[in-house]
N, C-alpha and C. Protein backbone atom coordinates (compact mmCIF):
# COMPACT_ATOMS: atom_id res chain seq x y z
N MET A 1 11.10 19.71 5.33
CA MET A 1 10.08 20.70 6.15
C MET A 1 9.88 21.70 6.76
N LYS A 2 9.59 22.20 6.95
CA LYS A 2 9.19 23.48 8.39
C LYS A 2 7.57 22.89 8.84
N LYS A 3 7.75 22.42 9.94
CA LYS A 3 6.17 22.13 10.50
C LYS A 3 5.26 23.70 10.77
N LYS A 4 4.83 23.71 10.06
CA LYS A 4 3.39 24.94 10.14
C LYS A 4 2.42 25.00 11.49
N THR A 5 1.59 25.87 11.74
CA THR A 5 0.40 25.71 12.69
C THR A 5 -0.69 25.17 12.34
N ILE A 6 -1.68 25.43 11.74
CA ILE A 6 -2.22 24.94 10.50
C ILE A 6 -3.77 24.99 11.08
N LEU A 7 -4.96 25.56 10.50
CA LEU A 7 -6.71 26.03 11.65
C LEU A 7 -7.33 24.71 10.26
N ILE A 8 -7.87 24.50 10.80
CA ILE A 8 -9.07 23.28 9.50
C ILE A 8 -10.70 23.49 10.22
N THR A 9 -11.34 24.19 9.47
CA THR A 9 -12.39 24.94 9.75
C THR A 9 -13.53 23.45 9.71
N GLY A 10 -14.47 23.30 10.14
CA GLY A 10 -15.26 21.84 9.09
C GLY A 10 -14.30 20.27 9.62
N ALA A 11 -14.21 20.48 10.78
CA ALA A 11 -13.01 19.77 10.82
C ALA A 11 -13.45 17.91 11.97
N GLY A 12 -14.77 18.41 11.62
CA GLY A 12 -15.49 16.99 12.84
C GLY A 12 -15.71 15.75 11.15
N THR A 13 -16.24 15.99 9.90
CA THR A 13 -16.64 16.04 9.59
C THR A 13 -15.61 15.34 8.10
N GLY A 14 -15.76 14.39 7.16
CA GLY A 14 -15.34 14.37 5.54
C GLY A 14 -13.42 15.02 4.92
N ILE A 15 -13.98 16.46 4.29
CA ILE A 15 -12.44 16.58 3.85
C ILE A 15 -11.96 17.28 5.22
N GLY A 16 -12.60 17.83 6.01
CA GLY A 16 -11.77 18.96 7.22
C GLY A 16 -10.91 17.69 8.05
N LYS A 17 -11.97 16.70 8.50
CA LYS A 17 -10.93 15.40 9.05
C LYS A 17 -9.82 14.93 8.68
N ASP A 18 -10.65 14.67 7.36
CA ASP A 18 -9.49 13.60 6.42
C ASP A 18 -7.66 14.06 6.77
N THR A 19 -8.25 16.32 6.22
CA THR A 19 -7.40 16.47 5.65
C THR A 19 -6.48 16.28 7.19
N ALA A 20 -7.06 16.90 8.37
CA ALA A 20 -5.85 16.55 9.53
C ALA A 20 -5.39 15.95 9.81
N LYS A 21 -5.97 14.60 9.75
CA LYS A 21 -5.81 13.51 10.05
C LYS A 21 -3.75 13.79 9.51
N HIS A 22 -4.28 13.87 8.17
CA HIS A 22 -3.07 13.79 6.77
C HIS A 22 -1.65 14.41 7.67
N LEU A 23 -2.01 16.59 7.77
CA LEU A 23 -1.44 16.66 8.60
C LEU A 23 -0.71 16.75 10.07
N ILE A 24 -1.64 16.43 10.93
CA ILE A 24 -0.91 15.60 11.75
C ILE A 24 -0.19 14.53 11.84
N GLY A 25 -0.39 13.51 10.70
CA GLY A 25 0.66 12.22 10.08
C GLY A 25 1.99 12.85 9.69
N ARG A 26 2.09 14.53 9.81
CA ARG A 26 2.91 14.66 8.76
C ARG A 26 3.72 15.41 9.76
N GLY A 27 3.43 15.63 10.81
CA GLY A 27 4.16 16.78 11.95
C GLY A 27 3.59 18.46 12.76
N HIS A 28 2.37 17.69 11.50
CA HIS A 28 1.81 19.58 11.58
C HIS A 28 0.71 19.43 13.24
N LYS A 29 1.68 20.84 13.93
CA LYS A 29 0.20 21.27 14.72
C LYS A 29 -1.00 21.80 14.00
N VAL A 30 -1.31 20.61 14.79
CA VAL A 30 -3.12 20.97 13.23
C VAL A 30 -4.47 21.73 14.88
N PHE A 31 -5.32 22.60 14.32
CA PHE A 31 -6.32 23.14 15.08
C PHE A 31 -7.64 22.86 14.27
N ALA A 32 -8.14 21.68 15.05
CA ALA A 32 -9.17 21.06 14.08
C ALA A 32 -10.34 21.25 14.83
N ALA A 33 -11.19 23.00 13.86
CA ALA A 33 -12.40 23.20 14.45
C ALA A 33 -13.51 23.03 14.01
N VAL A 34 -14.63 22.40 15.06
CA VAL A 34 -15.60 21.46 15.42
C VAL A 34 -16.71 22.87 14.96
N HIS A 35 -17.90 22.45 14.73
CA HIS A 35 -19.08 24.01 14.59
C HIS A 35 -19.44 23.13 16.04
N HIS A 36 -19.89 22.02 16.82
CA HIS A 36 -20.32 22.22 18.00
C HIS A 36 -19.79 22.01 19.64
N GLN A 37 -20.17 21.82 20.64
CA GLN A 37 -19.52 21.59 21.24
C GLN A 37 -19.14 20.26 22.31
N GLY A 38 -20.72 19.62 21.54
CA GLY A 38 -20.39 17.63 22.20
C GLY A 38 -19.70 17.05 20.48
N GLU A 39 -18.82 17.87 19.42
CA GLU A 39 -18.08 17.38 18.85
C GLU A 39 -16.91 17.41 19.17
N VAL A 40 -16.35 17.96 20.46
CA VAL A 40 -14.30 17.87 20.30
C VAL A 40 -14.26 16.67 20.87
N ALA A 41 -14.94 16.16 22.14
CA ALA A 41 -14.30 15.36 22.74
C ALA A 41 -14.54 13.57 21.66
N PRO A 42 -15.37 13.92 20.64
CA PRO A 42 -15.27 12.64 19.98
C PRO A 42 -14.19 13.55 18.86
N VAL A 43 -14.08 13.99 18.35
CA VAL A 43 -13.53 14.36 17.07
C VAL A 43 -11.78 14.56 17.86
N GLN A 44 -11.68 14.80 19.19
CA GLN A 44 -10.40 14.08 19.89
C GLN A 44 -9.45 13.46 20.13
N ALA A 45 -10.78 12.47 20.34
CA ALA A 45 -10.00 11.25 20.32
C ALA A 45 -10.69 9.90 19.13
N GLU A 46 -10.90 10.82 17.60
CA GLU A 46 -10.62 10.45 16.88
C GLU A 46 -8.93 10.80 16.52
N LEU A 47 -9.02 11.95 16.13
CA LEU A 47 -7.57 12.78 15.86
C LEU A 47 -6.45 11.87 16.74
N GLY A 48 -5.73 12.47 18.33
CA GLY A 48 -5.41 11.87 19.14
C GLY A 48 -5.05 13.14 19.53
N PRO A 49 -3.92 13.39 20.80
CA PRO A 49 -3.37 13.85 21.70
C PRO A 49 -2.44 14.68 20.55
N SER A 50 -2.16 14.65 19.54
CA SER A 50 -1.40 15.72 18.96
C SER A 50 -2.14 16.69 18.27
N ALA A 51 -3.62 16.31 18.10
CA ALA A 51 -4.16 17.48 16.98
C ALA A 51 -5.39 18.69 18.85
N SER A 52 -5.46 19.49 18.45
CA SER A 52 -5.59 20.34 19.52
C SER A 52 -7.58 21.26 18.65
N VAL A 53 -8.20 20.20 19.19
CA VAL A 53 -10.07 20.37 18.63
C VAL A 53 -10.61 21.25 19.49
N LEU A 54 -10.90 21.56 18.98
CA LEU A 54 -11.80 23.15 19.88
C LEU A 54 -13.10 23.28 19.16
N LYS A 55 -14.70 24.05 19.36
CA LYS A 55 -15.31 24.50 18.93
C LYS A 55 -14.99 26.01 18.42
N LEU A 56 -15.14 26.41 17.06
CA LEU A 56 -15.89 27.48 16.32
C LEU A 56 -16.48 27.56 15.07
N ASP A 57 -17.86 28.71 15.29
CA ASP A 57 -18.40 28.39 15.11
C ASP A 57 -18.33 29.79 13.72
N ILE A 58 -18.42 29.59 12.81
CA ILE A 58 -17.60 30.35 11.98
C ILE A 58 -18.50 31.55 12.03
N THR A 59 -19.51 31.62 11.93
CA THR A 59 -20.40 32.62 11.44
C THR A 59 -20.97 33.41 13.46
N LEU A 60 -20.35 33.14 14.41
CA LEU A 60 -20.39 34.09 15.49
C LEU A 60 -18.93 34.76 15.78
N PRO A 61 -18.79 35.89 16.06
CA PRO A 61 -18.18 37.34 16.18
C PRO A 61 -17.10 36.76 17.36
N GLU A 62 -17.50 36.31 17.73
CA GLU A 62 -16.67 35.85 19.59
C GLU A 62 -15.56 34.15 19.22
N ASP A 63 -16.05 33.57 18.65
CA ASP A 63 -15.85 32.34 17.93
C ASP A 63 -14.73 33.02 17.33
N ARG A 64 -15.31 33.47 16.29
CA ARG A 64 -13.84 33.86 14.92
C ARG A 64 -12.86 34.91 15.95
N ALA A 65 -13.31 35.43 16.97
CA ALA A 65 -11.77 36.70 18.01
C ALA A 65 -11.40 34.94 18.57
N GLN A 66 -11.14 34.50 18.52
CA GLN A 66 -10.43 33.23 19.39
C GLN A 66 -9.13 32.43 18.53
N ILE A 67 -8.76 32.87 17.13
CA ILE A 67 -8.14 32.75 16.53
C ILE A 67 -7.17 33.39 16.75
N ALA A 68 -7.06 34.76 16.39
CA ALA A 68 -6.01 35.54 16.31
C ALA A 68 -5.26 35.56 17.45
N ASN A 69 -4.80 34.81 18.04
CA ASN A 69 -3.87 34.50 18.86
C ASN A 69 -3.20 33.28 18.92
N LEU A 70 -3.63 32.47 18.07
CA LEU A 70 -3.22 31.72 17.77
C LEU A 70 -1.65 30.52 16.76
N GLY A 71 -1.50 32.00 16.74
CA GLY A 71 0.10 31.61 15.80
C GLY A 71 -0.10 31.15 14.06
N ILE A 72 -1.26 31.23 14.31
CA ILE A 72 -1.61 30.27 12.87
C ILE A 72 -0.52 30.91 11.07
N ASP A 73 0.00 29.87 10.97
CA ASP A 73 0.58 29.20 9.97
C ASP A 73 -0.28 29.69 8.66
N VAL A 74 -1.40 28.63 8.78
CA VAL A 74 -2.11 27.62 7.16
C VAL A 74 -3.98 28.16 8.12
N LEU A 75 -4.58 29.13 7.79
CA LEU A 75 -6.15 29.15 7.28
C LEU A 75 -6.43 27.44 6.28
N VAL A 76 -7.71 26.48 6.38
CA VAL A 76 -8.26 26.09 6.14
C VAL A 76 -9.58 26.14 5.61
N ASN A 77 -10.61 27.28 5.30
CA ASN A 77 -11.29 27.29 5.15
C ASN A 77 -12.75 26.56 4.35
N ASN A 78 -13.19 24.96 5.53
CA ASN A 78 -13.24 24.31 4.67
C ASN A 78 -15.08 23.90 5.18
N ALA A 79 -14.80 24.56 6.63
CA ALA A 79 -16.86 25.20 7.10
C ALA A 79 -17.27 24.86 6.08
N ALA A 80 -18.74 24.69 5.87
CA ALA A 80 -19.01 24.92 4.67
C ALA A 80 -20.50 24.37 5.02
N MET A 81 -22.26 24.53 4.36
CA MET A 81 -23.77 23.87 4.57
C MET A 81 -23.92 23.91 3.07
N SER A 82 -24.86 22.91 2.68
CA SER A 82 -25.28 22.88 1.33
C SER A 82 -26.72 23.23 1.77
N GLU A 83 -27.25 23.21 0.09
CA GLU A 83 -28.79 23.72 0.48
C GLU A 83 -28.96 23.25 -1.26
N SER A 84 -30.66 22.50 -0.73
CA SER A 84 -30.47 22.23 -2.31
C SER A 84 -31.97 22.96 -2.61
N GLY A 85 -32.92 22.70 -4.48
CA GLY A 85 -34.37 22.29 -4.55
C GLY A 85 -34.53 23.79 -5.59
N SER A 86 -35.18 23.94 -6.14
CA SER A 86 -35.32 24.56 -7.34
C SER A 86 -35.55 26.37 -6.91
N LEU A 87 -34.57 26.94 -8.20
CA LEU A 87 -34.02 28.70 -8.11
C LEU A 87 -36.13 29.25 -7.55
N ALA A 88 -36.95 28.89 -8.77
CA ALA A 88 -38.27 29.13 -8.81
C ALA A 88 -38.68 28.96 -7.83
N GLU A 89 -38.51 28.14 -6.22
CA GLU A 89 -39.40 27.96 -4.94
C GLU A 89 -39.09 27.90 -3.68
N ILE A 90 -37.60 27.55 -3.78
CA ILE A 90 -36.26 28.16 -2.87
C ILE A 90 -36.92 29.07 -1.84
N ASP A 91 -37.12 28.63 -0.36
CA ASP A 91 -36.90 29.53 0.61
C ASP A 91 -35.86 30.82 0.70
N ILE A 92 -36.08 32.29 0.20
CA ILE A 92 -35.18 33.09 0.00
C ILE A 92 -34.33 32.88 1.57
N ASP A 93 -34.95 33.20 2.46
CA ASP A 93 -33.97 32.83 4.12
C ASP A 93 -33.02 31.57 4.44
N ARG A 94 -33.36 30.51 3.65
CA ARG A 94 -32.20 29.46 3.11
C ARG A 94 -31.35 29.61 2.49
N VAL A 95 -30.93 30.61 1.33
CA VAL A 95 -30.24 31.27 1.02
C VAL A 95 -29.65 31.42 0.85
N ARG A 96 -29.61 32.52 1.98
CA ARG A 96 -28.99 34.27 2.77
C ARG A 96 -28.23 33.39 3.55
N ARG A 97 -29.07 31.94 4.46
CA ARG A 97 -28.15 31.44 5.18
C ARG A 97 -26.83 30.64 4.72
N LEU A 98 -27.63 30.12 3.44
CA LEU A 98 -25.83 29.45 2.91
C LEU A 98 -24.61 30.35 2.76
N PHE A 99 -25.29 31.66 2.35
CA PHE A 99 -24.27 32.62 1.97
C PHE A 99 -24.29 32.58 3.45
N GLU A 100 -24.56 32.70 4.30
CA GLU A 100 -23.87 33.95 5.30
C GLU A 100 -22.56 32.70 5.91
N VAL A 101 -23.02 31.61 6.44
CA VAL A 101 -22.31 30.59 6.25
C VAL A 101 -20.74 30.50 5.16
N ASN A 102 -20.89 29.87 3.82
CA ASN A 102 -20.09 29.66 3.22
C ASN A 102 -19.70 30.96 2.80
N VAL A 103 -19.84 31.85 2.25
CA VAL A 103 -18.86 33.02 1.70
C VAL A 103 -19.01 33.97 2.48
N PHE A 104 -19.38 34.76 3.67
CA PHE A 104 -19.42 35.66 4.46
C PHE A 104 -18.34 35.47 5.84
N ALA A 105 -18.85 33.94 6.19
CA ALA A 105 -18.65 34.03 7.88
C ALA A 105 -17.06 33.61 7.05
N SER A 106 -16.58 32.65 6.31
CA SER A 106 -14.95 32.35 5.88
C SER A 106 -14.44 33.62 5.43
N LEU A 107 -15.36 34.35 4.55
CA LEU A 107 -14.49 35.54 4.57
C LEU A 107 -14.03 36.23 5.58
N GLU A 108 -15.07 36.52 6.65
CA GLU A 108 -14.40 36.00 8.21
C GLU A 108 -13.72 36.95 8.37
N LEU A 109 -14.07 35.39 8.66
CA LEU A 109 -12.08 34.55 9.95
C LEU A 109 -10.81 34.83 8.92
N SER A 110 -11.01 34.95 7.48
CA SER A 110 -10.36 35.07 6.85
C SER A 110 -9.62 36.48 7.22
N GLN A 111 -10.06 37.32 7.28
CA GLN A 111 -9.82 38.26 8.02
C GLN A 111 -9.34 38.14 9.20
N VAL A 112 -9.79 37.94 10.10
CA VAL A 112 -9.37 37.09 11.30
C VAL A 112 -7.89 37.21 11.78
N ALA A 113 -7.75 35.68 10.17
CA ALA A 113 -6.09 35.49 10.33
C ALA A 113 -4.93 36.08 9.62
N ILE A 114 -5.66 36.74 8.67
CA ILE A 114 -4.36 37.59 7.73
C ILE A 114 -3.92 38.56 8.66
N LYS A 115 -5.40 39.39 9.23
CA LYS A 115 -4.29 40.55 10.35
C LYS A 115 -3.68 40.02 11.18
N SER A 116 -3.89 38.46 11.76
CA SER A 116 -2.88 38.27 12.88
C SER A 116 -1.18 37.42 11.95
N MET A 117 -1.74 37.07 10.43
CA MET A 117 -0.36 36.66 9.57
C MET A 117 0.70 37.99 8.94
N ILE A 118 0.78 38.83 8.79
CA ILE A 118 0.94 39.84 8.18
C ILE A 118 2.37 40.24 9.39
N PRO A 119 2.27 40.46 10.66
CA PRO A 119 3.60 41.02 11.59
C PRO A 119 4.23 39.65 11.88
N ARG A 120 3.96 39.13 10.71
CA ARG A 120 4.57 37.17 11.87
C ARG A 120 5.21 36.73 10.37
N GLY A 121 4.83 37.99 9.40
CA GLY A 121 5.48 37.89 7.60
C GLY A 121 5.10 37.04 6.85
N GLY A 122 3.52 36.66 7.05
CA GLY A 122 3.11 35.94 5.95
C GLY A 122 2.59 34.87 6.48
N GLY A 123 1.43 33.82 5.22
CA GLY A 123 1.05 32.85 5.53
C GLY A 123 0.39 32.73 4.49
N THR A 124 -0.38 31.26 4.46
CA THR A 124 -1.98 30.78 3.44
C THR A 124 -3.31 30.68 3.99
N VAL A 125 -4.14 30.77 3.62
CA VAL A 125 -5.67 30.79 3.76
C VAL A 125 -5.51 29.87 2.38
N ILE A 126 -6.85 29.49 2.72
CA ILE A 126 -6.78 28.10 1.93
C ILE A 126 -8.52 27.89 1.53
N PHE A 127 -9.11 27.95 0.38
CA PHE A 127 -10.75 28.11 0.40
C PHE A 127 -11.38 27.56 -0.07
N ILE A 128 -11.92 26.18 0.83
CA ILE A 128 -12.02 24.98 -0.16
C ILE A 128 -13.72 25.68 -0.96
N SER A 129 -14.31 25.11 -1.84
CA SER A 129 -15.01 25.76 -2.91
C SER A 129 -15.27 23.96 -2.93
N SER A 130 -16.33 24.38 -4.54
CA SER A 130 -16.35 22.90 -5.27
C SER A 130 -16.25 22.99 -6.39
N ILE A 131 -16.85 21.90 -7.17
CA ILE A 131 -16.68 22.07 -9.06
C ILE A 131 -17.65 23.14 -9.52
N THR A 132 -18.74 22.59 -8.54
CA THR A 132 -20.35 22.80 -8.58
C THR A 132 -20.45 24.88 -8.97
N GLY A 133 -19.68 24.90 -7.93
CA GLY A 133 -18.78 26.46 -7.75
C GLY A 133 -18.51 26.87 -9.14
N ARG A 134 -18.23 26.03 -11.24
CA ARG A 134 -17.42 26.34 -11.39
C ARG A 134 -18.46 25.77 -12.82
N ILE A 135 -19.72 24.66 -12.49
CA ILE A 135 -20.26 24.74 -13.48
C ILE A 135 -21.02 24.06 -12.92
N PRO A 136 -21.99 24.27 -13.54
CA PRO A 136 -24.29 24.96 -11.64
C PRO A 136 -24.57 23.42 -12.19
N GLU A 137 -25.26 23.56 -11.02
CA GLU A 137 -25.69 22.23 -11.35
C GLU A 137 -27.14 22.85 -11.07
N PRO A 138 -28.39 22.09 -11.73
CA PRO A 138 -29.74 22.45 -11.77
C PRO A 138 -29.99 21.96 -9.50
N PHE A 139 -30.65 22.42 -9.10
CA PHE A 139 -31.03 21.97 -7.93
C PHE A 139 -30.55 21.68 -6.60
N LEU A 140 -28.95 21.92 -7.57
CA LEU A 140 -28.23 22.26 -6.26
C LEU A 140 -27.64 23.62 -6.23
N MET A 141 -28.43 24.31 -7.51
CA MET A 141 -27.83 26.48 -7.03
C MET A 141 -27.80 27.12 -5.96
N PRO A 142 -28.55 26.87 -5.20
CA PRO A 142 -27.59 27.70 -3.79
C PRO A 142 -26.13 27.41 -3.46
N TYR A 143 -26.37 25.82 -3.56
CA TYR A 143 -25.21 25.59 -2.82
C TYR A 143 -23.55 26.15 -4.06
N SER A 144 -24.08 25.73 -5.14
CA SER A 144 -23.47 26.22 -6.35
C SER A 144 -23.75 27.54 -6.50
N MET A 145 -23.92 28.30 -5.83
CA MET A 145 -24.23 29.68 -6.13
C MET A 145 -22.97 30.78 -5.37
N SER A 146 -23.76 29.44 -3.57
CA SER A 146 -21.81 29.99 -3.01
C SER A 146 -20.65 29.79 -3.23
N LYS A 147 -20.43 28.68 -3.84
CA LYS A 147 -19.12 27.92 -3.65
C LYS A 147 -18.67 29.07 -5.18
N PHE A 148 -20.01 29.27 -6.49
CA PHE A 148 -18.55 30.00 -6.94
C PHE A 148 -17.78 31.32 -6.78
N ALA A 149 -19.57 31.99 -5.29
CA ALA A 149 -18.40 33.49 -5.06
C ALA A 149 -17.06 32.73 -3.28
N VAL A 150 -17.07 31.95 -3.48
CA VAL A 150 -16.22 31.57 -2.73
C VAL A 150 -14.62 31.04 -3.05
N SER A 151 -15.29 31.25 -4.73
CA SER A 151 -14.28 30.60 -5.79
C SER A 151 -13.61 32.00 -6.10
N ALA A 152 -15.38 32.77 -6.70
CA ALA A 152 -14.31 34.48 -6.92
C ALA A 152 -14.14 35.14 -5.93
N ALA A 153 -14.23 35.17 -4.59
CA ALA A 153 -13.10 35.71 -3.24
C ALA A 153 -12.17 35.54 -3.02
N ALA A 154 -11.73 33.64 -3.35
CA ALA A 154 -10.29 33.59 -3.21
C ALA A 154 -9.50 34.27 -4.31
N ALA A 155 -10.36 34.32 -6.08
CA ALA A 155 -9.20 34.87 -6.44
C ALA A 155 -9.25 36.26 -6.58
N GLY A 156 -10.00 36.70 -5.87
CA GLY A 156 -9.49 38.29 -5.99
C GLY A 156 -9.40 38.51 -4.54
N LEU A 157 -8.91 37.61 -3.39
CA LEU A 157 -7.98 37.80 -2.50
C LEU A 157 -6.29 37.41 -2.89
N ARG A 158 -6.26 36.36 -3.30
CA ARG A 158 -5.22 36.16 -3.98
C ARG A 158 -4.16 37.17 -4.59
N LYS A 159 -4.75 37.93 -5.57
CA LYS A 159 -4.44 38.94 -6.87
C LYS A 159 -3.88 40.67 -5.63
N GLU A 160 -5.06 40.24 -4.90
CA GLU A 160 -4.67 41.82 -3.89
C GLU A 160 -4.12 41.66 -2.81
N MET A 161 -3.26 40.55 -2.39
CA MET A 161 -1.74 40.64 -1.12
C MET A 161 -1.00 39.95 -2.18
N GLU A 162 -1.09 39.41 -3.31
CA GLU A 162 -0.63 40.26 -4.25
C GLU A 162 0.38 41.16 -4.47
N THR A 163 -0.47 42.10 -4.53
CA THR A 163 -0.07 43.71 -4.66
C THR A 163 0.57 44.14 -3.62
N LEU A 164 -0.38 43.89 -2.41
CA LEU A 164 0.41 44.65 -1.18
C LEU A 164 1.35 43.60 -0.52
N GLY A 165 2.10 42.80 -1.60
CA GLY A 165 3.32 42.12 -1.28
C GLY A 165 3.50 41.40 0.72
N LYS A 166 2.13 41.29 1.49
CA LYS A 166 2.66 41.12 2.87
C LYS A 166 2.33 39.50 3.07
N GLY A 167 3.13 38.05 1.95
CA GLY A 167 3.83 37.37 1.50
C GLY A 167 2.15 36.30 2.45
N ILE A 168 1.14 37.07 2.30
CA ILE A 168 -0.15 36.10 2.36
C ILE A 168 -0.39 35.05 1.16
N GLN A 169 -0.55 33.68 0.88
CA GLN A 169 -0.23 33.54 -0.41
C GLN A 169 -1.94 32.49 -0.31
N VAL A 170 -3.16 33.06 -1.96
CA VAL A 170 -4.58 31.96 -1.43
C VAL A 170 -4.80 31.43 -2.56
N SER A 171 -5.50 29.92 -1.66
CA SER A 171 -5.64 28.91 -2.97
C SER A 171 -6.83 28.47 -2.79
N VAL A 172 -7.20 28.51 -4.03
CA VAL A 172 -8.71 28.07 -3.39
C VAL A 172 -8.77 26.07 -3.67
N VAL A 173 -9.69 25.35 -3.33
CA VAL A 173 -9.36 24.44 -3.71
C VAL A 173 -11.16 23.73 -4.49
N GLU A 174 -11.54 22.56 -5.47
CA GLU A 174 -12.53 22.73 -5.57
C GLU A 174 -12.76 21.33 -6.63
N PRO A 175 -12.90 20.31 -4.90
CA PRO A 175 -13.20 19.30 -5.40
C PRO A 175 -14.53 18.84 -5.57
N GLY A 176 -15.18 17.97 -6.84
CA GLY A 176 -15.83 16.94 -7.28
C GLY A 176 -16.54 16.64 -5.67
N PRO A 177 -17.33 15.55 -6.54
CA PRO A 177 -18.04 14.16 -5.39
C PRO A 177 -16.57 13.52 -4.47
N TYR A 178 -17.36 13.09 -2.91
CA TYR A 178 -16.06 12.66 -2.90
C TYR A 178 -16.55 11.40 -1.97
N LYS A 179 -16.01 10.29 -1.89
CA LYS A 179 -17.11 9.51 -0.71
C LYS A 179 -16.31 9.61 0.72
């Protein structure tokens, strides 16, 4: 199996960190992206010297720009946040912020990655969504709505990339609850 260069966002905890550990164990070059600078050293210590841990706030254009020259073969869009509450009364600015992180910033990061993948003949973009993006969950609707948008974006982007024939594969993973 050809070793890949993989960027995983939201790699400081949960699915992102576990994915990084697994891929490092398989010999891939992993860039584990964390949200805050203070997370870099502890995550680097946990993942070991084979990982490259970097601070990457996906909502910041200057942070997104730093991935353009990393030679990424695979982008795993895992960074996300959650909001809960009744749609009848939740502060709409919280919902806007959720969409900014979960949908818009992930799409903007994917655009940077895709632009760097095309000249190299292809790559893979993976969006981590949620089963709640398919099965609406009352009082978790802000999160459900954003993950529905992520799943829809991934499906549409997959078809666009197939049509353009640039060798870019797009997948979506929709996990349920996990420990």
